[in-house]
Structure formats: C-alpha cells, structure tokens
C-alpha cells in the first residue's frame, strides 16, 4: 500500500493482529543509507511477535527507500514520515491503544516522535545505537518504554544501556539478550520471546490497556 505524504507517498505494509485486535503499532526501520528497510529481518520478526499477541503492525519505508518518494533527510524528514504513519494507523485502527517502535535509527525516530504524540501510549526500541545518537531525552518520557538490547551490540552494549539509559526513568524496561549483536543475527527467536512476554505479562500494570496482557 501507499500512504500519501507531502513529498508523494510512503510504501507500507499493514499486518493485522492474530485474533482480536488489542492494539496497533507503527514500527520504523534501520538507517536508510546502510540498507535498512521495512523488510529488515529483526523488524519483521518483531512485527510477527506483536501480531501473535493481538497487535496490528504498520511497517513503512522512509522517504527514498523502496518505492517511497523523496530522499534521506538526516532523521528530520523521517520523523515527519513517522508522524504521517501514526495518523494513518489511527484512522485505520481507531479505538485501540497505539504503540510506536523501531530498530536502530528507526528506534531513535520512533522514540523522538512517539514521546510527544498524544495518541501513542507505549514505546518499543530495539538495538538503540548509543554511539550515534543521544537517548537521554528518555528521561522525560511519561510513557512505558521497552528497550531490547543485545549484550554484544557493536553500537551500544546491553551493559552500557543498563548503565546509561535504563536508570534515567522508571518507565523504562530493559531486556538484554546475551551474546546478541546489533542486528540480532541468530537471536531473533529470543527477540520475539522478549516482545511476546512483555505484552502478555508485564504491560498490564503499566499505562497500556490491561487487555494487552491477553490473560
């Protein structure tokens, strides 16, 4: 599908939840200049895990990626693209809680946008690249944030995230995957298990709707 945007259109894929739709999520892909697309394996598998626990997921290509129009804009235009995706999903999945997340560069975009989007109630970040972006803005988040980080992430180990980012805010939940590199190669099953467990068991006591627990 193509989502209309000021510079033309965004290539997108909306995958419905399995069974009852309990929430909907926008997921943003890794850095466009380093091969990141909405089809990046870790992002795709994260979407699968969310589908399994009742969350419909919209993935889309940032400007200049795939058949999306426009060109790379250093994260600024990409945030505008993400906002358009949120508005689109709000219309398509009206009446359910809205989540926002992403992987690497996409995590930075999703967190920056989602924190201030009034319709977004929860955030998910996979493999935040600490070496490239400042994530201390999470200190002011009033929404629950799930961070999933590989302990061997080349751009910010799980230990570093645990020391530098997780303590900033009690709304942050950090889940570390031992031996896992940045792209979750060989560890996507663990990634999916973390996501399923978080939305099935841990979110019921947070700001998200209790129905997300699936209990």
N, C-alpha and C. Protein backbone atom coordinates (compact mmCIF):
# COMPACT_ATOMS: atom_id res chain seq x y z
N UNK A 1 0.84 -1.19 0.00
CA UNK A 1 0.00 0.00 0.00
C UNK A 1 0.88 1.24 0.00
N UNK A 2 0.30 2.37 -0.41
CA UNK A 2 1.00 3.64 -0.41
C UNK A 2 0.24 4.62 0.48
N UNK A 3 0.95 5.21 1.43
CA UNK A 3 0.36 6.21 2.32
C UNK A 3 0.71 7.59 1.77
N UNK A 4 -0.28 8.42 1.46
CA UNK A 4 0.01 9.75 0.93
C UNK A 4 0.78 10.60 1.94
N UNK A 5 1.75 11.36 1.44
CA UNK A 5 2.56 12.23 2.28
C UNK A 5 2.93 13.45 1.45
N UNK A 6 3.42 14.50 2.09
CA UNK A 6 3.66 15.75 1.38
C UNK A 6 4.60 15.61 0.18
N UNK A 7 5.58 14.70 0.27
CA UNK A 7 6.53 14.54 -0.82
C UNK A 7 6.11 13.46 -1.82
N UNK A 8 4.92 12.89 -1.63
CA UNK A 8 4.43 11.88 -2.56
C UNK A 8 3.73 10.74 -1.84
N UNK A 9 4.48 9.67 -1.56
CA UNK A 9 3.88 8.52 -0.89
C UNK A 9 4.89 7.65 -0.18
N UNK A 10 4.44 6.97 0.87
CA UNK A 10 5.27 6.04 1.63
C UNK A 10 4.81 4.61 1.37
N UNK A 11 5.74 3.79 0.95
CA UNK A 11 5.45 2.36 0.79
C UNK A 11 5.24 1.75 2.17
N UNK A 12 4.18 0.99 2.35
CA UNK A 12 3.86 0.48 3.68
C UNK A 12 3.22 -0.90 3.63
N UNK A 13 3.25 -1.58 4.75
CA UNK A 13 2.60 -2.87 4.90
C UNK A 13 1.89 -2.90 6.25
N UNK A 14 0.60 -3.18 6.24
CA UNK A 14 -0.17 -3.31 7.48
C UNK A 14 -0.52 -4.77 7.67
N UNK A 15 0.03 -5.34 8.73
CA UNK A 15 -0.23 -6.75 9.02
C UNK A 15 -1.16 -6.83 10.23
N UNK A 16 -2.36 -7.39 10.04
CA UNK A 16 -3.33 -7.41 11.13
C UNK A 16 -2.94 -8.37 12.25
N UNK A 17 -3.46 -8.08 13.41
CA UNK A 17 -3.22 -8.95 14.56
C UNK A 17 -3.88 -10.30 14.35
N UNK A 18 -3.34 -11.30 15.02
CA UNK A 18 -3.97 -12.60 15.02
C UNK A 18 -5.09 -12.58 16.05
N UNK A 19 -6.30 -12.87 15.63
CA UNK A 19 -7.43 -12.84 16.56
C UNK A 19 -7.88 -11.43 16.85
N UNK A 20 -8.31 -11.21 18.08
CA UNK A 20 -8.82 -9.90 18.49
C UNK A 20 -7.72 -8.84 18.43
N UNK A 21 -8.04 -7.67 17.88
CA UNK A 21 -7.08 -6.57 17.83
C UNK A 21 -7.12 -5.84 19.17
N UNK A 22 -6.03 -5.95 19.93
CA UNK A 22 -5.96 -5.31 21.23
C UNK A 22 -5.19 -3.99 21.20
N UNK A 23 -4.38 -3.81 20.15
CA UNK A 23 -3.60 -2.58 20.00
C UNK A 23 -3.09 -2.52 18.57
N UNK A 24 -2.47 -1.40 18.21
CA UNK A 24 -1.86 -1.25 16.90
C UNK A 24 -0.52 -0.54 17.09
N UNK A 25 0.43 -0.83 16.22
CA UNK A 25 1.77 -0.27 16.37
C UNK A 25 2.36 0.16 15.04
N UNK A 26 3.10 1.26 15.06
CA UNK A 26 3.92 1.70 13.94
C UNK A 26 5.35 1.31 14.25
N UNK A 27 6.02 0.61 13.34
CA UNK A 27 7.42 0.23 13.53
C UNK A 27 8.28 0.88 12.45
N UNK A 28 9.40 1.48 12.86
CA UNK A 28 10.29 2.21 11.96
C UNK A 28 11.59 1.44 11.73
N UNK A 29 12.07 1.45 10.51
CA UNK A 29 13.21 0.60 10.14
C UNK A 29 14.58 1.26 10.37
N UNK A 30 15.66 0.48 10.29
CA UNK A 30 17.02 0.99 10.50
C UNK A 30 17.45 2.00 9.43
N UNK A 31 18.67 2.49 9.57
CA UNK A 31 19.18 3.59 8.76
C UNK A 31 19.09 3.31 7.26
N UNK A 32 18.43 4.20 6.51
CA UNK A 32 18.26 4.01 5.07
C UNK A 32 19.57 3.93 4.28
N UNK A 33 20.60 4.63 4.73
CA UNK A 33 21.85 4.65 3.98
C UNK A 33 22.71 3.43 4.24
N UNK A 34 22.29 2.57 5.16
CA UNK A 34 23.04 1.36 5.46
C UNK A 34 22.20 0.10 5.23
N UNK A 35 21.26 0.22 4.31
CA UNK A 35 20.48 -0.95 3.91
C UNK A 35 19.21 -1.19 4.69
N UNK A 36 18.84 -0.32 5.60
CA UNK A 36 17.64 -0.52 6.38
C UNK A 36 16.37 -0.31 5.57
N UNK A 37 15.44 -1.24 5.70
CA UNK A 37 14.12 -1.13 5.06
C UNK A 37 13.08 -1.73 6.00
N UNK A 38 11.82 -1.60 5.61
CA UNK A 38 10.76 -2.18 6.45
C UNK A 38 10.82 -3.71 6.44
N UNK A 39 11.64 -4.28 5.53
CA UNK A 39 11.78 -5.74 5.47
C UNK A 39 12.98 -6.26 6.26
N UNK A 40 13.73 -5.39 6.93
CA UNK A 40 14.86 -5.83 7.76
C UNK A 40 14.39 -6.93 8.70
N UNK A 41 15.15 -8.01 8.77
CA UNK A 41 14.68 -9.23 9.45
C UNK A 41 14.24 -9.01 10.89
N UNK A 42 15.05 -8.33 11.68
CA UNK A 42 14.70 -8.16 13.09
C UNK A 42 13.40 -7.38 13.25
N UNK A 43 13.19 -6.38 12.41
CA UNK A 43 11.96 -5.60 12.47
C UNK A 43 10.77 -6.45 12.05
N UNK A 44 10.96 -7.23 11.00
CA UNK A 44 9.90 -8.12 10.52
C UNK A 44 9.50 -9.13 11.59
N UNK A 45 10.50 -9.71 12.25
CA UNK A 45 10.21 -10.71 13.29
C UNK A 45 9.58 -10.07 14.52
N UNK A 46 9.99 -8.84 14.84
CA UNK A 46 9.34 -8.12 15.94
C UNK A 46 7.87 -7.90 15.64
N UNK A 47 7.57 -7.55 14.39
CA UNK A 47 6.18 -7.37 13.99
C UNK A 47 5.40 -8.68 14.13
N UNK A 48 6.02 -9.79 13.75
CA UNK A 48 5.37 -11.09 13.90
C UNK A 48 5.01 -11.37 15.35
N UNK A 49 5.95 -11.10 16.25
CA UNK A 49 5.70 -11.35 17.67
C UNK A 49 4.56 -10.49 18.18
N UNK A 50 4.50 -9.25 17.75
CA UNK A 50 3.42 -8.37 18.18
C UNK A 50 2.08 -8.84 17.62
N UNK A 51 2.08 -9.30 16.38
CA UNK A 51 0.85 -9.86 15.80
C UNK A 51 0.31 -11.01 16.64
N UNK A 52 1.23 -11.84 17.12
CA UNK A 52 0.83 -13.03 17.87
C UNK A 52 0.15 -12.70 19.19
N UNK A 53 0.39 -11.52 19.73
CA UNK A 53 -0.24 -11.14 20.99
C UNK A 53 -1.33 -10.08 20.79
N UNK A 54 -1.88 -10.00 19.58
CA UNK A 54 -3.04 -9.15 19.36
C UNK A 54 -2.76 -7.73 18.93
N UNK A 55 -1.57 -7.47 18.37
CA UNK A 55 -1.22 -6.11 17.95
C UNK A 55 -1.07 -6.06 16.43
N UNK A 56 -1.87 -5.24 15.78
CA UNK A 56 -1.70 -4.99 14.35
C UNK A 56 -0.47 -4.10 14.16
N UNK A 57 0.30 -4.34 13.11
CA UNK A 57 1.55 -3.61 12.94
C UNK A 57 1.65 -2.98 11.55
N UNK A 58 1.96 -1.69 11.53
CA UNK A 58 2.23 -0.98 10.30
C UNK A 58 3.73 -0.76 10.18
N UNK A 59 4.35 -1.35 9.15
CA UNK A 59 5.73 -1.06 8.80
C UNK A 59 5.72 -0.22 7.53
N UNK A 60 6.67 0.68 7.40
CA UNK A 60 6.71 1.51 6.20
C UNK A 60 8.15 1.85 5.86
N UNK A 61 8.37 2.21 4.61
CA UNK A 61 9.69 2.65 4.19
C UNK A 61 9.80 4.17 4.28
N UNK A 62 10.86 4.63 4.93
CA UNK A 62 11.11 6.07 4.98
C UNK A 62 11.30 6.62 3.56
N UNK A 63 11.24 7.92 3.45
CA UNK A 63 11.46 8.60 2.17
C UNK A 63 12.75 8.13 1.49
N UNK A 64 12.63 7.86 0.20
CA UNK A 64 13.79 7.43 -0.57
C UNK A 64 14.13 5.96 -0.48
N UNK A 65 13.34 5.19 0.26
CA UNK A 65 13.60 3.75 0.41
C UNK A 65 12.50 2.98 -0.32
N UNK A 66 12.90 1.93 -1.06
CA UNK A 66 11.92 1.16 -1.82
C UNK A 66 11.24 2.06 -2.83
N UNK A 67 9.91 2.05 -2.84
CA UNK A 67 9.18 2.92 -3.76
C UNK A 67 8.67 4.18 -3.08
N UNK A 68 9.08 4.41 -1.82
CA UNK A 68 8.71 5.66 -1.15
C UNK A 68 9.40 6.83 -1.87
N UNK A 69 8.70 7.91 -2.03
CA UNK A 69 9.26 9.08 -2.70
C UNK A 69 10.17 9.85 -1.77
N UNK A 70 10.85 10.86 -2.32
CA UNK A 70 11.71 11.72 -1.51
C UNK A 70 13.11 11.16 -1.39
N UNK A 71 13.89 11.75 -0.48
CA UNK A 71 15.27 11.33 -0.26
C UNK A 71 15.63 11.49 1.21
N UNK A 72 16.70 10.82 1.62
CA UNK A 72 17.12 10.82 3.02
C UNK A 72 17.27 12.24 3.55
N UNK A 73 16.81 12.46 4.80
CA UNK A 73 16.80 13.81 5.35
C UNK A 73 17.36 13.86 6.78
N UNK A 74 18.39 13.07 7.05
CA UNK A 74 19.14 13.15 8.31
C UNK A 74 18.27 12.93 9.54
N UNK A 75 17.14 12.23 9.39
CA UNK A 75 16.28 11.95 10.52
C UNK A 75 15.18 12.97 10.74
N UNK A 76 15.32 14.15 10.14
CA UNK A 76 14.31 15.20 10.33
C UNK A 76 13.06 14.89 9.51
N UNK A 77 13.25 14.72 8.21
CA UNK A 77 12.12 14.35 7.36
C UNK A 77 11.56 12.99 7.72
N UNK A 78 12.43 12.10 8.19
CA UNK A 78 11.98 10.77 8.59
C UNK A 78 11.02 10.84 9.78
N UNK A 79 11.23 11.80 10.66
CA UNK A 79 10.28 11.99 11.75
C UNK A 79 8.93 12.45 11.23
N UNK A 80 8.95 13.27 10.21
CA UNK A 80 7.68 13.70 9.59
C UNK A 80 6.98 12.50 8.95
N UNK A 81 7.76 11.63 8.29
CA UNK A 81 7.17 10.42 7.72
C UNK A 81 6.51 9.58 8.81
N UNK A 82 7.19 9.44 9.93
CA UNK A 82 6.67 8.63 11.03
C UNK A 82 5.36 9.22 11.57
N UNK A 83 5.29 10.52 11.65
CA UNK A 83 4.06 11.17 12.12
C UNK A 83 2.89 10.88 11.18
N UNK A 84 3.17 10.90 9.87
CA UNK A 84 2.13 10.58 8.89
C UNK A 84 1.67 9.13 9.07
N UNK A 85 2.62 8.23 9.31
CA UNK A 85 2.27 6.82 9.53
C UNK A 85 1.38 6.66 10.76
N UNK A 86 1.68 7.41 11.81
CA UNK A 86 0.86 7.37 13.03
C UNK A 86 -0.56 7.82 12.72
N UNK A 87 -0.70 8.92 12.01
CA UNK A 87 -2.03 9.44 11.68
C UNK A 87 -2.81 8.41 10.86
N UNK A 88 -2.12 7.78 9.91
CA UNK A 88 -2.77 6.77 9.07
C UNK A 88 -3.27 5.62 9.93
N UNK A 89 -2.43 5.12 10.82
CA UNK A 89 -2.82 3.97 11.64
C UNK A 89 -3.94 4.34 12.60
N UNK A 90 -3.93 5.55 13.10
CA UNK A 90 -5.01 6.00 13.98
C UNK A 90 -6.36 5.93 13.28
N UNK A 91 -6.38 6.21 12.00
CA UNK A 91 -7.62 6.15 11.24
C UNK A 91 -8.03 4.72 10.94
N UNK A 92 -7.06 3.89 10.58
CA UNK A 92 -7.35 2.51 10.19
C UNK A 92 -7.74 1.65 11.39
N UNK A 93 -7.06 1.84 12.51
CA UNK A 93 -7.31 1.04 13.71
C UNK A 93 -7.85 1.94 14.83
N UNK A 94 -8.89 2.65 14.53
CA UNK A 94 -9.47 3.59 15.50
C UNK A 94 -10.00 2.84 16.72
N UNK A 95 -9.79 3.44 17.88
CA UNK A 95 -10.37 2.91 19.10
C UNK A 95 -9.52 1.93 19.88
N UNK A 96 -8.30 1.62 19.40
CA UNK A 96 -7.42 0.73 20.16
C UNK A 96 -6.17 1.49 20.56
N UNK A 97 -5.47 1.05 21.62
CA UNK A 97 -4.23 1.73 22.03
C UNK A 97 -3.21 1.71 20.91
N UNK A 98 -2.46 2.79 20.80
CA UNK A 98 -1.46 2.90 19.74
C UNK A 98 -0.06 2.88 20.33
N UNK A 99 0.80 2.05 19.74
CA UNK A 99 2.19 1.92 20.15
C UNK A 99 3.10 2.42 19.03
N UNK A 100 4.34 2.71 19.38
CA UNK A 100 5.30 3.14 18.36
C UNK A 100 6.66 2.56 18.71
N UNK A 101 7.35 2.06 17.69
CA UNK A 101 8.65 1.48 17.96
C UNK A 101 9.53 1.47 16.73
N UNK A 102 10.74 0.97 16.90
CA UNK A 102 11.65 0.91 15.78
C UNK A 102 12.93 0.21 16.15
N UNK A 103 13.77 0.02 15.14
CA UNK A 103 15.03 -0.68 15.29
C UNK A 103 16.17 0.24 14.88
N UNK A 104 17.16 0.43 15.76
CA UNK A 104 18.36 1.22 15.49
C UNK A 104 17.99 2.66 15.17
N UNK A 105 18.36 3.16 13.98
CA UNK A 105 17.96 4.51 13.56
C UNK A 105 16.44 4.68 13.71
N UNK A 106 15.70 3.65 13.35
CA UNK A 106 14.24 3.70 13.46
C UNK A 106 13.78 3.82 14.90
N UNK A 107 14.56 3.26 15.84
CA UNK A 107 14.22 3.42 17.25
C UNK A 107 14.36 4.87 17.67
N UNK A 108 15.42 5.52 17.21
CA UNK A 108 15.61 6.93 17.53
C UNK A 108 14.43 7.76 17.02
N UNK A 109 14.05 7.51 15.77
CA UNK A 109 12.93 8.24 15.18
C UNK A 109 11.64 7.97 15.95
N UNK A 110 11.37 6.71 16.21
CA UNK A 110 10.12 6.34 16.87
C UNK A 110 10.02 6.90 18.29
N UNK A 111 11.12 6.85 19.03
CA UNK A 111 11.11 7.37 20.39
C UNK A 111 10.92 8.89 20.39
N UNK A 112 11.63 9.57 19.50
CA UNK A 112 11.53 11.03 19.44
C UNK A 112 10.13 11.48 19.08
N UNK A 113 9.50 10.78 18.14
CA UNK A 113 8.15 11.14 17.72
C UNK A 113 7.11 10.66 18.73
N UNK A 114 7.23 9.41 19.13
CA UNK A 114 6.20 8.80 19.97
C UNK A 114 6.06 9.41 21.34
N UNK A 115 7.15 9.92 21.89
CA UNK A 115 7.07 10.52 23.22
C UNK A 115 6.10 11.69 23.28
N UNK A 116 5.99 12.42 22.16
CA UNK A 116 5.16 13.62 22.15
C UNK A 116 3.86 13.46 21.37
N UNK A 117 3.62 12.28 20.84
CA UNK A 117 2.37 12.04 20.13
C UNK A 117 1.28 11.69 21.15
N UNK A 118 0.23 12.51 21.25
CA UNK A 118 -0.79 12.26 22.28
C UNK A 118 -1.51 10.93 22.14
N UNK A 119 -1.60 10.40 20.92
CA UNK A 119 -2.30 9.14 20.74
C UNK A 119 -1.47 7.91 21.03
N UNK A 120 -0.16 8.08 21.19
CA UNK A 120 0.73 6.94 21.44
C UNK A 120 0.85 6.70 22.94
N UNK A 121 0.61 5.46 23.36
CA UNK A 121 0.62 5.16 24.79
C UNK A 121 1.80 4.32 25.25
N UNK A 122 2.59 3.79 24.31
CA UNK A 122 3.73 2.98 24.69
C UNK A 122 4.76 2.94 23.58
N UNK A 123 6.04 2.70 23.96
CA UNK A 123 7.16 2.77 23.02
C UNK A 123 8.02 1.51 23.10
N UNK A 124 8.55 1.10 21.95
CA UNK A 124 9.41 -0.08 21.86
C UNK A 124 10.64 0.28 21.06
N UNK A 125 11.83 0.01 21.59
CA UNK A 125 13.08 0.33 20.88
C UNK A 125 13.98 -0.90 20.86
N UNK A 126 14.39 -1.29 19.68
CA UNK A 126 15.27 -2.44 19.50
C UNK A 126 16.65 -1.95 19.08
N UNK A 127 17.67 -2.36 19.79
CA UNK A 127 19.04 -2.05 19.39
C UNK A 127 19.31 -0.56 19.26
N UNK A 128 19.15 0.19 20.34
CA UNK A 128 19.40 1.64 20.22
C UNK A 128 20.90 1.88 20.01
N UNK A 129 21.26 2.69 19.00
CA UNK A 129 22.67 2.93 18.68
C UNK A 129 23.26 4.08 19.52
N UNK A 130 23.70 3.75 20.71
CA UNK A 130 24.21 4.77 21.64
C UNK A 130 25.40 5.54 21.07
N UNK A 131 26.18 4.90 20.23
CA UNK A 131 27.37 5.56 19.68
C UNK A 131 27.02 6.66 18.68
N UNK A 132 25.79 6.69 18.20
CA UNK A 132 25.43 7.62 17.13
C UNK A 132 24.40 8.68 17.53
N UNK A 133 23.59 8.39 18.56
CA UNK A 133 22.53 9.34 18.93
C UNK A 133 22.45 9.46 20.45
N UNK A 134 21.93 10.58 20.89
CA UNK A 134 21.75 10.85 22.32
C UNK A 134 20.34 10.42 22.72
N UNK A 135 20.26 9.44 23.59
CA UNK A 135 18.95 8.94 24.02
C UNK A 135 18.59 9.41 25.44
N UNK A 136 19.30 10.37 25.96
CA UNK A 136 18.99 10.84 27.31
C UNK A 136 17.65 11.57 27.37
N UNK A 137 17.08 11.90 26.21
CA UNK A 137 15.76 12.53 26.21
C UNK A 137 14.69 11.60 26.80
N UNK A 138 15.00 10.31 26.91
CA UNK A 138 14.04 9.38 27.51
C UNK A 138 13.78 9.69 28.97
N UNK A 139 14.62 10.52 29.54
CA UNK A 139 14.43 10.92 30.94
C UNK A 139 13.08 11.56 31.16
N UNK A 140 12.56 12.22 30.14
CA UNK A 140 11.29 12.93 30.31
C UNK A 140 10.07 12.14 29.82
N UNK A 141 10.26 10.89 29.45
CA UNK A 141 9.13 10.10 28.97
C UNK A 141 8.11 9.86 30.06
N UNK A 142 6.84 10.01 29.72
CA UNK A 142 5.76 9.69 30.63
C UNK A 142 4.99 8.47 30.13
N UNK A 143 5.63 7.76 29.22
CA UNK A 143 5.03 6.56 28.64
C UNK A 143 5.97 5.37 28.86
N UNK A 144 5.41 4.17 29.02
CA UNK A 144 6.27 3.00 29.19
C UNK A 144 7.12 2.74 27.96
N UNK A 145 8.38 2.41 28.19
CA UNK A 145 9.34 2.18 27.10
C UNK A 145 9.98 0.81 27.30
N UNK A 146 9.89 -0.04 26.27
CA UNK A 146 10.62 -1.31 26.28
C UNK A 146 11.87 -1.14 25.43
N UNK A 147 13.04 -1.37 26.03
CA UNK A 147 14.31 -1.38 25.31
C UNK A 147 14.80 -2.82 25.23
N UNK A 148 15.07 -3.30 24.02
CA UNK A 148 15.63 -4.64 23.85
C UNK A 148 17.02 -4.46 23.23
N UNK A 149 18.04 -4.89 23.96
CA UNK A 149 19.42 -4.62 23.54
C UNK A 149 20.26 -5.88 23.62
N UNK A 150 21.04 -6.12 22.57
CA UNK A 150 21.97 -7.23 22.60
C UNK A 150 23.16 -6.91 23.47
N UNK A 151 23.62 -7.85 24.26
CA UNK A 151 24.78 -7.60 25.11
C UNK A 151 26.04 -7.34 24.29
N UNK A 152 26.08 -7.86 23.05
CA UNK A 152 27.24 -7.66 22.19
C UNK A 152 26.96 -6.65 21.07
N UNK A 153 25.99 -5.77 21.28
CA UNK A 153 25.67 -4.76 20.27
C UNK A 153 26.88 -3.86 20.05
N UNK A 154 27.31 -3.77 18.78
CA UNK A 154 28.51 -3.01 18.45
C UNK A 154 28.35 -1.51 18.66
N UNK A 155 27.12 -1.03 18.69
CA UNK A 155 26.86 0.41 18.80
C UNK A 155 26.36 0.83 20.17
N UNK A 156 26.39 -0.11 21.11
CA UNK A 156 25.94 0.18 22.47
C UNK A 156 25.52 -1.11 23.14
N UNK A 157 26.39 -1.67 23.95
CA UNK A 157 26.11 -2.97 24.56
C UNK A 157 24.94 -2.90 25.55
N UNK A 158 24.38 -4.05 25.83
CA UNK A 158 23.31 -4.11 26.83
C UNK A 158 23.77 -3.56 28.17
N UNK A 159 25.03 -3.82 28.51
CA UNK A 159 25.56 -3.30 29.77
C UNK A 159 25.57 -1.78 29.77
N UNK A 160 26.01 -1.18 28.67
CA UNK A 160 26.04 0.29 28.59
C UNK A 160 24.64 0.88 28.66
N UNK A 161 23.70 0.27 27.96
CA UNK A 161 22.32 0.76 28.02
C UNK A 161 21.80 0.66 29.45
N UNK A 162 22.17 -0.42 30.12
CA UNK A 162 21.75 -0.59 31.51
C UNK A 162 22.35 0.44 32.44
N UNK A 163 23.54 0.91 32.12
CA UNK A 163 24.21 1.90 32.96
C UNK A 163 23.82 3.33 32.63
N UNK A 164 23.65 3.61 31.32
CA UNK A 164 23.49 5.00 30.87
C UNK A 164 22.05 5.43 30.60
N UNK A 165 21.20 4.49 30.18
CA UNK A 165 19.86 4.88 29.74
C UNK A 165 18.76 4.35 30.67
N UNK A 166 18.79 3.08 30.98
CA UNK A 166 17.72 2.50 31.79
C UNK A 166 17.48 3.22 33.13
N UNK A 167 18.54 3.68 33.82
CA UNK A 167 18.30 4.33 35.11
C UNK A 167 17.68 5.74 35.00
N UNK A 168 17.57 6.27 33.80
CA UNK A 168 17.07 7.63 33.63
C UNK A 168 15.61 7.78 34.02
N UNK A 169 14.85 6.70 33.92
CA UNK A 169 13.41 6.83 34.07
C UNK A 169 12.80 5.50 34.50
N UNK A 170 11.95 5.49 35.54
CA UNK A 170 11.33 4.24 35.97
C UNK A 170 10.35 3.68 34.94
N UNK A 171 10.01 4.46 33.92
CA UNK A 171 9.11 3.98 32.88
C UNK A 171 9.84 3.07 31.88
N UNK A 172 11.16 3.00 31.97
CA UNK A 172 11.95 2.21 31.04
C UNK A 172 12.13 0.78 31.56
N UNK A 173 11.81 -0.19 30.70
CA UNK A 173 12.09 -1.60 30.97
C UNK A 173 13.16 -2.05 30.00
N UNK A 174 14.28 -2.52 30.51
CA UNK A 174 15.37 -3.01 29.65
C UNK A 174 15.40 -4.53 29.68
N UNK A 175 15.44 -5.12 28.50
CA UNK A 175 15.63 -6.56 28.36
C UNK A 175 16.88 -6.80 27.52
N UNK A 176 17.87 -7.45 28.10
CA UNK A 176 19.14 -7.71 27.43
C UNK A 176 19.16 -9.14 26.91
N UNK A 177 19.76 -9.33 25.72
CA UNK A 177 19.88 -10.66 25.14
C UNK A 177 21.36 -11.03 25.10
N UNK A 178 21.78 -12.01 25.89
CA UNK A 178 23.19 -12.40 25.96
C UNK A 178 23.74 -12.84 24.61
N UNK A 179 24.98 -12.39 24.30
CA UNK A 179 25.66 -12.81 23.10
C UNK A 179 25.09 -12.26 21.81
N UNK A 180 24.17 -11.33 21.90
CA UNK A 180 23.46 -10.85 20.72
C UNK A 180 24.10 -9.59 20.13
N UNK A 181 24.36 -9.57 18.82
CA UNK A 181 24.91 -8.37 18.17
C UNK A 181 23.80 -7.39 17.78
N UNK A 182 24.21 -6.30 17.15
CA UNK A 182 23.27 -5.22 16.85
C UNK A 182 22.08 -5.67 16.00
N UNK A 183 22.34 -6.48 14.98
CA UNK A 183 21.26 -6.85 14.07
C UNK A 183 20.48 -8.09 14.51
N UNK A 184 20.73 -8.56 15.74
CA UNK A 184 20.02 -9.69 16.32
C UNK A 184 20.21 -10.97 15.50
N UNK A 185 21.31 -11.05 14.72
CA UNK A 185 21.57 -12.23 13.92
C UNK A 185 21.73 -13.46 14.82
N UNK A 186 20.96 -14.49 14.52
CA UNK A 186 20.99 -15.69 15.32
C UNK A 186 20.22 -15.58 16.62
N UNK A 187 19.57 -14.46 16.85
CA UNK A 187 18.88 -14.24 18.12
C UNK A 187 17.46 -13.70 17.94
N UNK A 188 16.90 -13.86 16.74
CA UNK A 188 15.55 -13.31 16.54
C UNK A 188 14.49 -14.08 17.33
N UNK A 189 14.73 -15.35 17.61
CA UNK A 189 13.77 -16.10 18.43
C UNK A 189 13.71 -15.52 19.84
N UNK A 190 14.89 -15.17 20.39
CA UNK A 190 14.90 -14.54 21.71
C UNK A 190 14.24 -13.16 21.68
N UNK A 191 14.49 -12.42 20.61
CA UNK A 191 13.85 -11.12 20.45
C UNK A 191 12.34 -11.26 20.47
N UNK A 192 11.82 -12.20 19.72
CA UNK A 192 10.38 -12.40 19.67
C UNK A 192 9.83 -12.82 21.03
N UNK A 193 10.57 -13.67 21.73
CA UNK A 193 10.11 -14.13 23.05
C UNK A 193 10.03 -12.97 24.03
N UNK A 194 11.01 -12.07 23.98
CA UNK A 194 11.00 -10.91 24.87
C UNK A 194 9.78 -10.04 24.59
N UNK A 195 9.50 -9.79 23.33
CA UNK A 195 8.37 -8.95 22.96
C UNK A 195 7.05 -9.58 23.37
N UNK A 196 6.90 -10.88 23.09
CA UNK A 196 5.66 -11.56 23.48
C UNK A 196 5.46 -11.51 24.99
N UNK A 197 6.52 -11.79 25.74
CA UNK A 197 6.41 -11.80 27.21
C UNK A 197 6.05 -10.43 27.75
N UNK A 198 6.65 -9.39 27.20
CA UNK A 198 6.39 -8.03 27.67
C UNK A 198 4.92 -7.66 27.50
N UNK A 199 4.38 -7.94 26.34
CA UNK A 199 3.00 -7.54 26.10
C UNK A 199 1.99 -8.48 26.71
N UNK A 200 2.37 -9.71 26.98
CA UNK A 200 1.44 -10.64 27.61
C UNK A 200 1.37 -10.46 29.12
N UNK A 201 2.51 -10.23 29.76
CA UNK A 201 2.55 -10.28 31.21
C UNK A 201 2.88 -8.97 31.90
N UNK A 202 3.70 -8.13 31.27
CA UNK A 202 4.25 -7.02 32.01
C UNK A 202 3.55 -5.69 31.79
N UNK A 203 2.77 -5.62 30.73
CA UNK A 203 2.19 -4.33 30.38
C UNK A 203 0.90 -4.06 31.12
N UNK A 204 0.28 -5.09 31.67
CA UNK A 204 -0.99 -4.89 32.34
C UNK A 204 -0.94 -3.91 33.49
N UNK A 205 0.22 -3.79 34.13
CA UNK A 205 0.35 -2.89 35.28
C UNK A 205 0.88 -1.52 34.87
N UNK A 206 1.10 -1.30 33.57
CA UNK A 206 1.65 -0.04 33.10
C UNK A 206 0.53 0.87 32.61
N UNK A 207 0.88 1.87 31.82
CA UNK A 207 -0.10 2.80 31.29
C UNK A 207 -0.88 2.23 30.12
N UNK A 208 -0.47 1.08 29.61
CA UNK A 208 -1.19 0.49 28.48
C UNK A 208 -2.45 -0.19 28.97
N UNK A 209 -3.36 -0.47 28.01
CA UNK A 209 -4.62 -1.08 28.36
C UNK A 209 -4.40 -2.48 28.94
N UNK A 210 -5.10 -2.83 30.03
CA UNK A 210 -4.95 -4.16 30.62
C UNK A 210 -5.24 -5.28 29.63
N UNK A 211 -6.09 -5.02 28.62
CA UNK A 211 -6.43 -6.06 27.66
C UNK A 211 -5.24 -6.56 26.88
N UNK A 212 -4.15 -5.78 26.88
CA UNK A 212 -2.94 -6.19 26.16
C UNK A 212 -2.27 -7.39 26.79
N UNK A 213 -2.61 -7.68 28.03
CA UNK A 213 -1.95 -8.80 28.69
C UNK A 213 -2.37 -10.14 28.10
N UNK A 214 -3.58 -10.18 27.53
CA UNK A 214 -4.06 -11.41 26.94
C UNK A 214 -4.44 -12.45 27.97
N UNK A 215 -4.50 -12.05 29.26
CA UNK A 215 -4.86 -13.02 30.31
C UNK A 215 -6.37 -13.13 30.48
